[in-house]
Amino acid sequence: MANQCQRPRNQGHTSGKDPGPAIGQEASEVRNVVEFVCLQQEDLHPDLLADFQRQQVTRRVIRAGAVVPDSFEDDWDIWDKKAVLAALRKSLQGGGAVIAAFHEGRVVGIASIQGNLGSVKY
């Protein structure tokens, strides 16, 4: 199954640089714009997540419908980011999609949707 995610026209954040304002848009209007881009294999270069800050402190989680204490912290280092990039590449190879949120040319969020749900039948 081919990757079904369509890249918006004239978008290509492969350099990681800010594309600047859209046609007819003043630079001051762009500051709060978050742009969502469907990424392809060539977009998943080693420095894509260089400026990405993945930090989360968790104290409680939901398990089996109940809130329970569970304390941990996520703070991605360079090795975590390399592992994430490898997982994103694998997702695309399996027919999935990877969508990144860019603000001022930097990744501020990323999502991966797997293309193969395994043995799930409907």
PDB file of N, CA and C in Angstrom:
ATOM      1  N   MET A   1       0.838  -1.175   0.000  1.00  0.00           N
ATOM      2  CA  MET A   1       0.000   0.000   0.000  1.00  0.00           C
ATOM      3  C   MET A   1       0.887   1.243   0.000  1.00  0.00           C
ATOM      4  N   ALA A   2       0.621   2.172  -0.866  1.00  0.00           N
ATOM      5  CA  ALA A   2       1.426   3.390  -0.979  1.00  0.00           C
ATOM      6  C   ALA A   2       1.078   4.370   0.127  1.00  0.00           C
ATOM      7  N   ASN A   3       2.020   5.246   0.395  1.00  0.00           N
ATOM      8  CA  ASN A   3       1.819   6.303   1.372  1.00  0.00           C
ATOM      9  C   ASN A   3       0.701   7.212   0.880  1.00  0.00           C
ATOM     10  N   GLN A   4      -0.369   7.356   1.653  1.00  0.00           N
ATOM     11  CA  GLN A   4      -1.539   8.123   1.254  1.00  0.00           C
ATOM     12  C   GLN A   4      -1.474   9.589   1.674  1.00  0.00           C
ATOM     13  N   CYS A   5      -0.461   9.966   2.387  1.00  0.00           N
ATOM     14  CA  CYS A   5      -0.336  11.335   2.863  1.00  0.00           C
ATOM     15  C   CYS A   5       0.125  12.210   1.708  1.00  0.00           C
ATOM     16  N   GLN A   6      -0.591  13.267   1.448  1.00  0.00           N
ATOM     17  CA  GLN A   6      -0.252  14.164   0.350  1.00  0.00           C
ATOM     18  C   GLN A   6       0.455  15.396   0.875  1.00  0.00           C
ATOM     19  N   ARG A   7       1.589  15.713   0.298  1.00  0.00           N
ATOM     20  CA  ARG A   7       2.341  16.908   0.669  1.00  0.00           C
ATOM     21  C   ARG A   7       1.663  18.115   0.026  1.00  0.00           C
ATOM     22  N   PRO A   8       1.447  19.182   0.812  1.00  0.00           N
ATOM     23  CA  PRO A   8       0.886  20.392   0.214  1.00  0.00           C
ATOM     24  C   PRO A   8       1.784  20.896  -0.905  1.00  0.00           C
ATOM     25  N   ARG A   9       1.208  21.523  -1.911  1.00  0.00           N
ATOM     26  CA  ARG A   9       1.984  22.046  -3.029  1.00  0.00           C
ATOM     27  C   ARG A   9       3.014  23.055  -2.556  1.00  0.00           C
ATOM     28  N   ASN A  10       4.170  23.015  -3.210  1.00  0.00           N
ATOM     29  CA  ASN A  10       5.263  23.953  -2.966  1.00  0.00           C
ATOM     30  C   ASN A  10       5.744  23.943  -1.521  1.00  0.00           C
ATOM     31  N   GLN A  11       5.619  22.827  -0.853  1.00  0.00           N
ATOM     32  CA  GLN A  11       6.126  22.720   0.510  1.00  0.00           C
ATOM     33  C   GLN A  11       7.258  21.708   0.482  1.00  0.00           C
ATOM     34  N   GLY A  12       8.319  21.965   1.174  1.00  0.00           N
ATOM     35  CA  GLY A  12       9.419  21.030   1.192  1.00  0.00           C
ATOM     36  C   GLY A  12      10.427  21.410   2.244  1.00  0.00           C
ATOM     37  N   HIS A  13      10.141  21.164   3.469  1.00  0.00           N
ATOM     38  CA  HIS A  13      10.995  21.597   4.558  1.00  0.00           C
ATOM     39  C   HIS A  13      12.197  20.698   4.738  1.00  0.00           C
ATOM     40  N   THR A  14      12.778  20.229   3.637  1.00  0.00           N
ATOM     41  CA  THR A  14      13.913  19.326   3.767  1.00  0.00           C
ATOM     42  C   THR A  14      15.145  20.022   4.318  1.00  0.00           C
ATOM     43  N   SER A  15      15.222  21.338   4.191  1.00  0.00           N
ATOM     44  CA  SER A  15      16.390  22.051   4.702  1.00  0.00           C
ATOM     45  C   SER A  15      16.233  22.423   6.172  1.00  0.00           C
ATOM     46  N   GLY A  16      15.013  22.372   6.696  1.00  0.00           N
ATOM     47  CA  GLY A  16      14.764  22.778   8.059  1.00  0.00           C
ATOM     48  C   GLY A  16      14.713  24.289   8.215  1.00  0.00           C
ATOM     49  N   LYS A  17      14.751  25.027   7.110  1.00  0.00           N
ATOM     50  CA  LYS A  17      14.731  26.482   7.159  1.00  0.00           C
ATOM     51  C   LYS A  17      13.304  27.001   7.047  1.00  0.00           C
ATOM     52  N   ASP A  18      13.078  28.154   7.634  1.00  0.00           N
ATOM     53  CA  ASP A  18      11.786  28.814   7.581  1.00  0.00           C
ATOM     54  C   ASP A  18      11.462  29.182   6.140  1.00  0.00           C
ATOM     55  N   PRO A  19      10.296  28.760   5.613  1.00  0.00           N
ATOM     56  CA  PRO A  19       9.959  29.068   4.229  1.00  0.00           C
ATOM     57  C   PRO A  19       9.544  30.520   4.026  1.00  0.00           C
ATOM     58  N   GLY A  20       9.363  31.282   5.117  1.00  0.00           N
ATOM     59  CA  GLY A  20       8.959  32.675   4.996  1.00  0.00           C
ATOM     60  C   GLY A  20       7.458  32.787   4.822  1.00  0.00           C
ATOM     61  N   PRO A  21       6.975  34.019   4.678  1.00  0.00           N
ATOM     62  CA  PRO A  21       5.535  34.218   4.573  1.00  0.00           C
ATOM     63  C   PRO A  21       4.976  33.663   3.274  1.00  0.00           C
ATOM     64  N   ALA A  22       3.730  33.242   3.325  1.00  0.00           N
ATOM     65  CA  ALA A  22       3.041  32.784   2.124  1.00  0.00           C
ATOM     66  C   ALA A  22       2.746  33.988   1.241  1.00  0.00           C
ATOM     67  N   ILE A  23       2.461  33.738  -0.009  1.00  0.00           N
ATOM     68  CA  ILE A  23       2.146  34.820  -0.937  1.00  0.00           C
ATOM     69  C   ILE A  23       0.965  35.611  -0.390  1.00  0.00           C
ATOM     70  N   GLY A  24       1.103  36.946  -0.370  1.00  0.00           N
ATOM     71  CA  GLY A  24       0.037  37.809   0.113  1.00  0.00           C
ATOM     72  C   GLY A  24      -0.030  37.932   1.620  1.00  0.00           C
ATOM     73  N   GLN A  25       0.927  37.372   2.321  1.00  0.00           N
ATOM     74  CA  GLN A  25       0.904  37.392   3.778  1.00  0.00           C
ATOM     75  C   GLN A  25       2.093  38.201   4.289  1.00  0.00           C
ATOM     76  N   GLU A  26       1.853  39.074   5.219  1.00  0.00           N
ATOM     77  CA  GLU A  26       2.922  39.856   5.825  1.00  0.00           C
ATOM     78  C   GLU A  26       3.703  38.976   6.799  1.00  0.00           C
ATOM     79  N   ALA A  27       4.983  39.252   6.953  1.00  0.00           N
ATOM     80  CA  ALA A  27       5.821  38.470   7.865  1.00  0.00           C
ATOM     81  C   ALA A  27       5.265  38.483   9.279  1.00  0.00           C
ATOM     82  N   SER A  28       4.675  39.595   9.718  1.00  0.00           N
ATOM     83  CA  SER A  28       4.145  39.673  11.081  1.00  0.00           C
ATOM     84  C   SER A  28       2.960  38.727  11.284  1.00  0.00           C
ATOM     85  N   GLU A  29       2.270  38.356  10.203  1.00  0.00           N
ATOM     86  CA  GLU A  29       1.129  37.442  10.297  1.00  0.00           C
ATOM     87  C   GLU A  29       1.567  35.989  10.434  1.00  0.00           C
ATOM     88  N   VAL A  30       2.820  35.699  10.127  1.00  0.00           N
ATOM     89  CA  VAL A  30       3.305  34.321  10.080  1.00  0.00           C
ATOM     90  C   VAL A  30       3.755  33.821  11.443  1.00  0.00           C
ATOM     91  N   ARG A  31       4.073  34.690  12.348  1.00  0.00           N
ATOM     92  CA  ARG A  31       4.698  34.297  13.612  1.00  0.00           C
ATOM     93  C   ARG A  31       3.964  33.197  14.364  1.00  0.00           C
ATOM     94  N   ASN A  32       2.651  33.210  14.364  1.00  0.00           N
ATOM     95  CA  ASN A  32       1.900  32.230  15.131  1.00  0.00           C
ATOM     96  C   ASN A  32       1.352  31.098  14.280  1.00  0.00           C
ATOM     97  N   VAL A  33       1.807  30.994  13.062  1.00  0.00           N
ATOM     98  CA  VAL A  33       1.313  29.967  12.156  1.00  0.00           C
ATOM     99  C   VAL A  33       2.058  28.658  12.402  1.00  0.00           C
ATOM    100  N   VAL A  34       1.303  27.602  12.558  1.00  0.00           N
ATOM    101  CA  VAL A  34       1.872  26.263  12.607  1.00  0.00           C
ATOM    102  C   VAL A  34       1.465  25.585  11.308  1.00  0.00           C
ATOM    103  N   GLU A  35       2.444  25.079  10.597  1.00  0.00           N
ATOM    104  CA  GLU A  35       2.199  24.444   9.311  1.00  0.00           C
ATOM    105  C   GLU A  35       2.375  22.935   9.455  1.00  0.00           C
ATOM    106  N   PHE A  36       1.390  22.180   8.975  1.00  0.00           N
ATOM    107  CA  PHE A  36       1.452  20.730   9.029  1.00  0.00           C
ATOM    108  C   PHE A  36       1.872  20.215   7.662  1.00  0.00           C
ATOM    109  N   VAL A  37       2.929  19.388   7.664  1.00  0.00           N
ATOM    110  CA  VAL A  37       3.500  18.893   6.418  1.00  0.00           C
ATOM    111  C   VAL A  37       3.621  17.376   6.486  1.00  0.00           C
ATOM    112  N   CYS A  38       3.141  16.717   5.445  1.00  0.00           N
ATOM    113  CA  CYS A  38       3.323  15.272   5.310  1.00  0.00           C
ATOM    114  C   CYS A  38       4.751  15.029   4.845  1.00  0.00           C
ATOM    115  N   LEU A  39       5.509  14.298   5.626  1.00  0.00           N
ATOM    116  CA  LEU A  39       6.912  14.065   5.313  1.00  0.00           C
ATOM    117  C   LEU A  39       7.097  12.805   4.488  1.00  0.00           C
ATOM    118  N   GLN A  40       8.161  12.808   3.711  1.00  0.00           N
ATOM    119  CA  GLN A  40       8.570  11.659   2.911  1.00  0.00           C
ATOM    120  C   GLN A  40       9.936  11.204   3.428  1.00  0.00           C
ATOM    121  N   GLN A  41      10.437  10.080   2.927  1.00  0.00           N
ATOM    122  CA  GLN A  41      11.725   9.552   3.378  1.00  0.00           C
ATOM    123  C   GLN A  41      12.832  10.599   3.313  1.00  0.00           C
ATOM    124  N   GLU A  42      12.881  11.355   2.209  1.00  0.00           N
ATOM    125  CA  GLU A  42      13.971  12.325   2.034  1.00  0.00           C
ATOM    126  C   GLU A  42      13.901  13.476   3.041  1.00  0.00           C
ATOM    127  N   ASP A  43      12.758  13.669   3.678  1.00  0.00           N
ATOM    128  CA  ASP A  43      12.615  14.715   4.689  1.00  0.00           C
ATOM    129  C   ASP A  43      13.177  14.295   6.047  1.00  0.00           C
ATOM    130  N   LEU A  44      13.362  13.010   6.242  1.00  0.00           N
ATOM    131  CA  LEU A  44      13.776  12.489   7.547  1.00  0.00           C
ATOM    132  C   LEU A  44      15.301  12.474   7.676  1.00  0.00           C
ATOM    133  N   HIS A  45      15.914  13.632   7.454  1.00  0.00           N
ATOM    134  CA  HIS A  45      17.362  13.755   7.538  1.00  0.00           C
ATOM    135  C   HIS A  45      17.792  13.831   9.000  1.00  0.00           C
ATOM    136  N   PRO A  46      19.058  13.535   9.288  1.00  0.00           N
ATOM    137  CA  PRO A  46      19.521  13.434  10.673  1.00  0.00           C
ATOM    138  C   PRO A  46      19.289  14.670  11.542  1.00  0.00           C
ATOM    139  N   ASP A  47      19.273  15.866  10.958  1.00  0.00           N
ATOM    140  CA  ASP A  47      19.111  17.054  11.794  1.00  0.00           C
ATOM    141  C   ASP A  47      17.668  17.563  11.864  1.00  0.00           C
ATOM    142  N   LEU A  48      16.719  16.794  11.350  1.00  0.00           N
ATOM    143  CA  LEU A  48      15.313  17.208  11.370  1.00  0.00           C
ATOM    144  C   LEU A  48      14.837  17.523  12.786  1.00  0.00           C
ATOM    145  N   LEU A  49      15.245  16.714  13.758  1.00  0.00           N
ATOM    146  CA  LEU A  49      14.786  16.881  15.143  1.00  0.00           C
ATOM    147  C   LEU A  49      15.821  17.557  16.039  1.00  0.00           C
ATOM    148  N   ALA A  50      16.858  18.136  15.429  1.00  0.00           N
ATOM    149  CA  ALA A  50      17.952  18.731  16.214  1.00  0.00           C
ATOM    150  C   ALA A  50      17.451  19.763  17.223  1.00  0.00           C
ATOM    151  N   ASP A  51      16.515  20.610  16.825  1.00  0.00           N
ATOM    152  CA  ASP A  51      16.010  21.658  17.714  1.00  0.00           C
ATOM    153  C   ASP A  51      14.732  21.250  18.446  1.00  0.00           C
ATOM    154  N   PHE A  52      14.265  20.038  18.213  1.00  0.00           N
ATOM    155  CA  PHE A  52      13.007  19.590  18.804  1.00  0.00           C
ATOM    156  C   PHE A  52      13.205  19.289  20.285  1.00  0.00           C
ATOM    157  N   GLN A  53      12.392  19.906  21.123  1.00  0.00           N
ATOM    158  CA  GLN A  53      12.467  19.710  22.565  1.00  0.00           C
ATOM    159  C   GLN A  53      11.361  18.751  22.995  1.00  0.00           C
ATOM    160  N   ARG A  54      11.701  17.509  23.265  1.00  0.00           N
ATOM    161  CA  ARG A  54      10.725  16.527  23.741  1.00  0.00           C
ATOM    162  C   ARG A  54      10.970  16.344  25.221  1.00  0.00           C
ATOM    163  N   GLN A  55      10.166  17.023  26.007  1.00  0.00           N
ATOM    164  CA  GLN A  55      10.309  16.946  27.445  1.00  0.00           C
ATOM    165  C   GLN A  55       8.929  16.807  28.060  1.00  0.00           C
ATOM    166  N   GLN A  56       8.760  15.788  28.878  1.00  0.00           N
ATOM    167  CA  GLN A  56       7.467  15.559  29.514  1.00  0.00           C
ATOM    168  C   GLN A  56       7.686  14.952  30.885  1.00  0.00           C
ATOM    169  N   VAL A  57       7.024  15.525  31.867  1.00  0.00           N
ATOM    170  CA  VAL A  57       7.050  14.988  33.223  1.00  0.00           C
ATOM    171  C   VAL A  57       5.673  14.393  33.488  1.00  0.00           C
ATOM    172  N   THR A  58       5.648  13.133  33.851  1.00  0.00           N
ATOM    173  CA  THR A  58       4.389  12.432  34.109  1.00  0.00           C
ATOM    174  C   THR A  58       4.379  11.945  35.552  1.00  0.00           C
ATOM    175  N   ARG A  59       3.280  12.161  36.214  1.00  0.00           N
ATOM    176  CA  ARG A  59       3.132  11.710  37.602  1.00  0.00           C
ATOM    177  C   ARG A  59       1.996  10.709  37.767  1.00  0.00           C
ATOM    178  N   ARG A  60       0.998  10.781  36.871  1.00  0.00           N
ATOM    179  CA  ARG A  60      -0.128   9.843  36.921  1.00  0.00           C
ATOM    180  C   ARG A  60      -0.474   9.418  35.501  1.00  0.00           C
ATOM    181  N   VAL A  61      -0.972   8.199  35.357  1.00  0.00           N
ATOM    182  CA  VAL A  61      -1.396   7.682  34.061  1.00  0.00           C
ATOM    183  C   VAL A  61      -2.751   6.987  34.216  1.00  0.00           C
ATOM    184  N   ILE A  62      -3.379   6.749  33.103  1.00  0.00           N
ATOM    185  CA  ILE A  62      -4.638   6.002  33.120  1.00  0.00           C
ATOM    186  C   ILE A  62      -4.349   4.576  32.676  1.00  0.00           C
ATOM    187  N   ARG A  63      -4.713   3.629  33.520  1.00  0.00           N
ATOM    188  CA  ARG A  63      -4.566   2.200  33.222  1.00  0.00           C
ATOM    189  C   ARG A  63      -5.882   1.519  33.540  1.00  0.00           C
ATOM    190  N   ALA A  64      -6.382   0.798  32.565  1.00  0.00           N
ATOM    191  CA  ALA A  64      -7.645   0.073  32.731  1.00  0.00           C
ATOM    192  C   ALA A  64      -8.746   1.007  33.236  1.00  0.00           C
ATOM    193  N   GLY A  65      -8.749   2.243  32.721  1.00  0.00           N
ATOM    194  CA  GLY A  65      -9.799   3.192  33.070  1.00  0.00           C
ATOM    195  C   GLY A  65      -9.639   3.893  34.402  1.00  0.00           C
ATOM    196  N   ALA A  66      -8.543   3.626  35.114  1.00  0.00           N
ATOM    197  CA  ALA A  66      -8.333   4.256  36.418  1.00  0.00           C
ATOM    198  C   ALA A  66      -7.053   5.084  36.408  1.00  0.00           C
ATOM    199  N   VAL A  67      -7.084   6.211  37.091  1.00  0.00           N
ATOM    200  CA  VAL A  67      -5.892   7.044  37.230  1.00  0.00           C
ATOM    201  C   VAL A  67      -5.031   6.452  38.344  1.00  0.00           C
ATOM    202  N   VAL A  68      -3.785   6.143  37.995  1.00  0.00           N
ATOM    203  CA  VAL A  68      -2.870   5.541  38.971  1.00  0.00           C
ATOM    204  C   VAL A  68      -1.553   6.316  38.978  1.00  0.00           C
ATOM    205  N   PRO A  69      -0.862   6.333  40.117  1.00  0.00           N
ATOM    206  CA  PRO A  69       0.430   7.018  40.159  1.00  0.00           C
ATOM    207  C   PRO A  69       1.469   6.274  39.323  1.00  0.00           C
ATOM    208  N   ASP A  70       2.237   7.007  38.563  1.00  0.00           N
ATOM    209  CA  ASP A  70       3.352   6.455  37.798  1.00  0.00           C
ATOM    210  C   ASP A  70       4.233   7.638  37.422  1.00  0.00           C
ATOM    211  N   SER A  71       5.395   7.713  38.003  1.00  0.00           N
ATOM    212  CA  SER A  71       6.252   8.876  37.840  1.00  0.00           C
ATOM    213  C   SER A  71       7.409   8.560  36.899  1.00  0.00           C
ATOM    214  N   PHE A  72       7.504   9.341  35.810  1.00  0.00           N
ATOM    215  CA  PHE A  72       8.636   9.211  34.899  1.00  0.00           C
ATOM    216  C   PHE A  72       8.783  10.504  34.104  1.00  0.00           C
ATOM    217  N   GLU A  73       9.966  10.674  33.527  1.00  0.00           N
ATOM    218  CA  GLU A  73      10.247  11.844  32.712  1.00  0.00           C
ATOM    219  C   GLU A  73      10.786  11.409  31.361  1.00  0.00           C
ATOM    220  N   ASP A  74      10.284  12.033  30.316  1.00  0.00           N
ATOM    221  CA  ASP A  74      10.811  11.857  28.971  1.00  0.00           C
ATOM    222  C   ASP A  74      11.596  13.106  28.625  1.00  0.00           C
ATOM    223  N   ASP A  75      12.809  12.930  28.183  1.00  0.00           N
ATOM    224  CA  ASP A  75      13.636  14.046  27.737  1.00  0.00           C
ATOM    225  C   ASP A  75      14.582  13.476  26.687  1.00  0.00           C
ATOM    226  N   TRP A  76      14.204  13.619  25.426  1.00  0.00           N
ATOM    227  CA  TRP A  76      14.948  12.979  24.346  1.00  0.00           C
ATOM    228  C   TRP A  76      16.346  13.561  24.185  1.00  0.00           C
ATOM    229  N   ASP A  77      17.312  12.665  24.117  1.00  0.00           N
ATOM    230  CA  ASP A  77      18.670  13.072  23.770  1.00  0.00           C
ATOM    231  C   ASP A  77      18.906  12.714  22.297  1.00  0.00           C
ATOM    232  N   ILE A  78      20.108  12.884  21.829  1.00  0.00           N
ATOM    233  CA  ILE A  78      20.411  12.643  20.415  1.00  0.00           C
ATOM    234  C   ILE A  78      20.118  11.194  20.008  1.00  0.00           C
ATOM    235  N   TRP A  79      20.344  10.258  20.920  1.00  0.00           N
ATOM    236  CA  TRP A  79      20.126   8.843  20.604  1.00  0.00           C
ATOM    237  C   TRP A  79      18.632   8.538  20.512  1.00  0.00           C
ATOM    238  N   ASP A  80      17.846   9.140  21.385  1.00  0.00           N
ATOM    239  CA  ASP A  80      16.392   8.976  21.307  1.00  0.00           C
ATOM    240  C   ASP A  80      15.879   9.527  19.981  1.00  0.00           C
ATOM    241  N   LYS A  81      16.390  10.685  19.571  1.00  0.00           N
ATOM    242  CA  LYS A  81      15.958  11.299  18.321  1.00  0.00           C
ATOM    243  C   LYS A  81      16.335  10.436  17.122  1.00  0.00           C
ATOM    244  N   LYS A  82      17.520   9.815  17.164  1.00  0.00           N
ATOM    245  CA  LYS A  82      17.921   8.901  16.083  1.00  0.00           C
ATOM    246  C   LYS A  82      16.986   7.697  16.028  1.00  0.00           C
ATOM    247  N   ALA A  83      16.612   7.173  17.186  1.00  0.00           N
ATOM    248  CA  ALA A  83      15.690   6.033  17.231  1.00  0.00           C
ATOM    249  C   ALA A  83      14.317   6.427  16.694  1.00  0.00           C
ATOM    250  N   VAL A  84      13.862   7.630  17.023  1.00  0.00           N
ATOM    251  CA  VAL A  84      12.575   8.115  16.531  1.00  0.00           C
ATOM    252  C   VAL A  84      12.617   8.247  15.010  1.00  0.00           C
ATOM    253  N   LEU A  85      13.692   8.816  14.475  1.00  0.00           N
ATOM    254  CA  LEU A  85      13.816   8.941  13.020  1.00  0.00           C
ATOM    255  C   LEU A  85      13.789   7.573  12.348  1.00  0.00           C
ATOM    256  N   ALA A  86      14.453   6.588  12.941  1.00  0.00           N
ATOM    257  CA  ALA A  86      14.443   5.225  12.385  1.00  0.00           C
ATOM    258  C   ALA A  86      13.017   4.664  12.397  1.00  0.00           C
ATOM    259  N   ALA A  87      12.286   4.890  13.474  1.00  0.00           N
ATOM    260  CA  ALA A  87      10.900   4.410  13.562  1.00  0.00           C
ATOM    261  C   ALA A  87      10.011   5.122  12.540  1.00  0.00           C
ATOM    262  N   LEU A  88      10.247   6.408  12.328  1.00  0.00           N
ATOM    263  CA  LEU A  88       9.460   7.145  11.336  1.00  0.00           C
ATOM    264  C   LEU A  88       9.741   6.631   9.929  1.00  0.00           C
ATOM    265  N   ARG A  89      11.006   6.345   9.628  1.00  0.00           N
ATOM    266  CA  ARG A  89      11.358   5.772   8.317  1.00  0.00           C
ATOM    267  C   ARG A  89      10.656   4.423   8.119  1.00  0.00           C
ATOM    268  N   LYS A  90      10.659   3.610   9.165  1.00  0.00           N
ATOM    269  CA  LYS A  90      10.012   2.291   9.095  1.00  0.00           C
ATOM    270  C   LYS A  90       8.505   2.445   8.870  1.00  0.00           C
ATOM    271  N   SER A  91       7.908   3.432   9.518  1.00  0.00           N
ATOM    272  CA  SER A  91       6.484   3.685   9.335  1.00  0.00           C
ATOM    273  C   SER A  91       6.172   4.014   7.881  1.00  0.00           C
ATOM    274  N   LEU A  92       6.982   4.893   7.274  1.00  0.00           N
ATOM    275  CA  LEU A  92       6.765   5.242   5.869  1.00  0.00           C
ATOM    276  C   LEU A  92       6.984   4.034   4.958  1.00  0.00           C
ATOM    277  N   GLN A  93       8.008   3.224   5.246  1.00  0.00           N
ATOM    278  CA  GLN A  93       8.284   2.035   4.438  1.00  0.00           C
ATOM    279  C   GLN A  93       7.126   1.053   4.494  1.00  0.00           C
ATOM    280  N   GLY A  94       6.398   1.049   5.607  1.00  0.00           N
ATOM    281  CA  GLY A  94       5.273   0.147   5.779  1.00  0.00           C
ATOM    282  C   GLY A  94       3.954   0.720   5.276  1.00  0.00           C
ATOM    283  N   GLY A  95       4.024   1.843   4.544  1.00  0.00           N
ATOM    284  CA  GLY A  95       2.806   2.426   3.990  1.00  0.00           C
ATOM    285  C   GLY A  95       2.114   3.410   4.914  1.00  0.00           C
ATOM    286  N   GLY A  96       2.767   3.780   6.002  1.00  0.00           N
ATOM    287  CA  GLY A  96       2.183   4.730   6.943  1.00  0.00           C
ATOM    288  C   GLY A  96       2.422   6.168   6.522  1.00  0.00           C
ATOM    289  N   ALA A  97       2.086   7.066   7.416  1.00  0.00           N
ATOM    290  CA  ALA A  97       2.248   8.496   7.151  1.00  0.00           C
ATOM    291  C   ALA A  97       2.949   9.143   8.338  1.00  0.00           C
ATOM    292  N   VAL A  98       3.737  10.173   8.033  1.00  0.00           N
ATOM    293  CA  VAL A  98       4.399  10.964   9.062  1.00  0.00           C
ATOM    294  C   VAL A  98       4.048  12.416   8.795  1.00  0.00           C
ATOM    295  N   ILE A  99       3.486  13.063   9.797  1.00  0.00           N
ATOM    296  CA  ILE A  99       3.077  14.464   9.678  1.00  0.00           C
ATOM    297  C   ILE A  99       3.856  15.254  10.720  1.00  0.00           C
ATOM    298  N   ALA A 100       4.477  16.346  10.278  1.00  0.00           N
ATOM    299  CA  ALA A 100       5.223  17.198  11.194  1.00  0.00           C
ATOM    300  C   ALA A 100       4.563  18.561  11.268  1.00  0.00           C
ATOM    301  N   ALA A 101       4.599  19.132  12.449  1.00  0.00           N
ATOM    302  CA  ALA A 101       4.133  20.496  12.655  1.00  0.00           C
ATOM    303  C   ALA A 101       5.369  21.389  12.729  1.00  0.00           C
ATOM    304  N   PHE A 102       5.396  22.419  11.871  1.00  0.00           N
ATOM    305  CA  PHE A 102       6.517  23.353  11.826  1.00  0.00           C
ATOM    306  C   PHE A 102       6.059  24.721  12.305  1.00  0.00           C
ATOM    307  N   HIS A 103       6.881  25.361  13.108  1.00  0.00           N
ATOM    308  CA  HIS A 103       6.664  26.754  13.506  1.00  0.00           C
ATOM    309  C   HIS A 103       7.990  27.475  13.311  1.00  0.00           C
ATOM    310  N   GLU A 104       7.951  28.516  12.510  1.00  0.00           N
ATOM    311  CA  GLU A 104       9.146  29.283  12.194  1.00  0.00           C
ATOM    312  C   GLU A 104      10.269  28.381  11.699  1.00  0.00           C
ATOM    313  N   GLY A 105       9.921  27.383  10.874  1.00  0.00           N
ATOM    314  CA  GLY A 105      10.904  26.516  10.243  1.00  0.00           C
ATOM    315  C   GLY A 105      11.426  25.382  11.093  1.00  0.00           C
ATOM    316  N   ARG A 106      10.944  25.262  12.329  1.00  0.00           N
ATOM    317  CA  ARG A 106      11.414  24.195  13.221  1.00  0.00           C
ATOM    318  C   ARG A 106      10.284  23.246  13.564  1.00  0.00           C
ATOM    319  N   VAL A 107      10.629  21.981  13.740  1.00  0.00           N
ATOM    320  CA  VAL A 107       9.642  20.978  14.133  1.00  0.00           C
ATOM    321  C   VAL A 107       9.215  21.250  15.571  1.00  0.00           C
ATOM    322  N   VAL A 108       7.884  21.362  15.771  1.00  0.00           N
ATOM    323  CA  VAL A 108       7.347  21.547  17.124  1.00  0.00           C
ATOM    324  C   VAL A 108       6.435  20.382  17.522  1.00  0.00           C
ATOM    325  N   GLY A 109       6.182  19.487  16.580  1.00  0.00           N
ATOM    326  CA  GLY A 109       5.367  18.314  16.858  1.00  0.00           C
ATOM    327  C   GLY A 109       5.483  17.342  15.703  1.00  0.00           C
ATOM    328  N   ILE A 110       5.268  16.081  15.987  1.00  0.00           N
ATOM    329  CA  ILE A 110       5.371  15.071  14.935  1.00  0.00           C
ATOM    330  C   ILE A 110       4.451  13.903  15.275  1.00  0.00           C
ATOM    331  N   ALA A 111       3.813  13.359  14.249  1.00  0.00           N
ATOM    332  CA  ALA A 111       2.917  12.217  14.444  1.00  0.00           C
ATOM    333  C   ALA A 111       3.185  11.179  13.371  1.00  0.00           C
ATOM    334  N   SER A 112       3.036   9.941  13.754  1.00  0.00           N
ATOM    335  CA  SER A 112       3.218   8.835  12.816  1.00  0.00           C
ATOM    336  C   SER A 112       1.989   7.932  12.894  1.00  0.00           C
ATOM    337  N   ILE A 113       1.494   7.581  11.734  1.00  0.00           N
ATOM    338  CA  ILE A 113       0.344   6.680  11.649  1.00  0.00           C
ATOM    339  C   ILE A 113       0.807   5.449  10.888  1.00  0.00           C
ATOM    340  N   GLN A 114       0.716   4.303  11.528  1.00  0.00           N
ATOM    341  CA  GLN A 114       1.190   3.077  10.911  1.00  0.00           C
ATOM    342  C   GLN A 114       0.309   2.667   9.725  1.00  0.00           C
ATOM    343  N   GLY A 115       0.918   2.133   8.700  1.00  0.00           N
ATOM    344  CA  GLY A 115       0.192   1.692   7.523  1.00  0.00           C
ATOM    345  C   GLY A 115      -0.319   0.272   7.631  1.00  0.00           C
ATOM    346  N   ASN A 116       0.223  -0.488   8.564  1.00  0.00           N
ATOM    347  CA  ASN A 116      -0.155  -1.884   8.712  1.00  0.00           C
ATOM    348  C   ASN A 116      -0.650  -2.091  10.135  1.00  0.00           C
ATOM    349  N   LEU A 117      -1.887  -2.466  10.270  1.00  0.00           N
ATOM    350  CA  LEU A 117      -2.449  -2.698  11.607  1.00  0.00           C
ATOM    351  C   LEU A 117      -2.295  -4.142  12.060  1.00  0.00           C
ATOM    352  N   GLY A 118      -1.479  -4.894  11.347  1.00  0.00           N
ATOM    353  CA  GLY A 118      -1.223  -6.267  11.761  1.00  0.00           C
ATOM    354  C   GLY A 118      -2.417  -7.177  11.456  1.00  0.00           C
ATOM    355  N   SER A 119      -2.820  -7.946  12.442  1.00  0.00           N
ATOM    356  CA  SER A 119      -3.867  -8.940  12.228  1.00  0.00           C
ATOM    357  C   SER A 119      -5.267  -8.435  12.563  1.00  0.00           C
ATOM    358  N   VAL A 120      -5.406  -7.124  12.712  1.00  0.00           N
ATOM    359  CA  VAL A 120      -6.728  -6.565  13.029  1.00  0.00           C
ATOM    360  C   VAL A 120      -7.653  -6.762  11.830  1.00  0.00           C
ATOM    361  N   LYS A 121      -8.840  -7.321  12.075  1.00  0.00           N
ATOM    362  CA  LYS A 121      -9.810  -7.526  11.009  1.00  0.00           C
ATOM    363  C   LYS A 121     -11.112  -6.843  11.405  1.00  0.00           C
ATOM    364  N   TYR A 122     -11.755  -6.259  10.396  1.00  0.00           N
ATOM    365  CA  TYR A 122     -13.012  -5.555  10.652  1.00  0.00           C
ATOM    366  C   TYR A 122     -14.159  -6.263   9.969  1.00  0.00           C
TER     367      TYR A 122
END
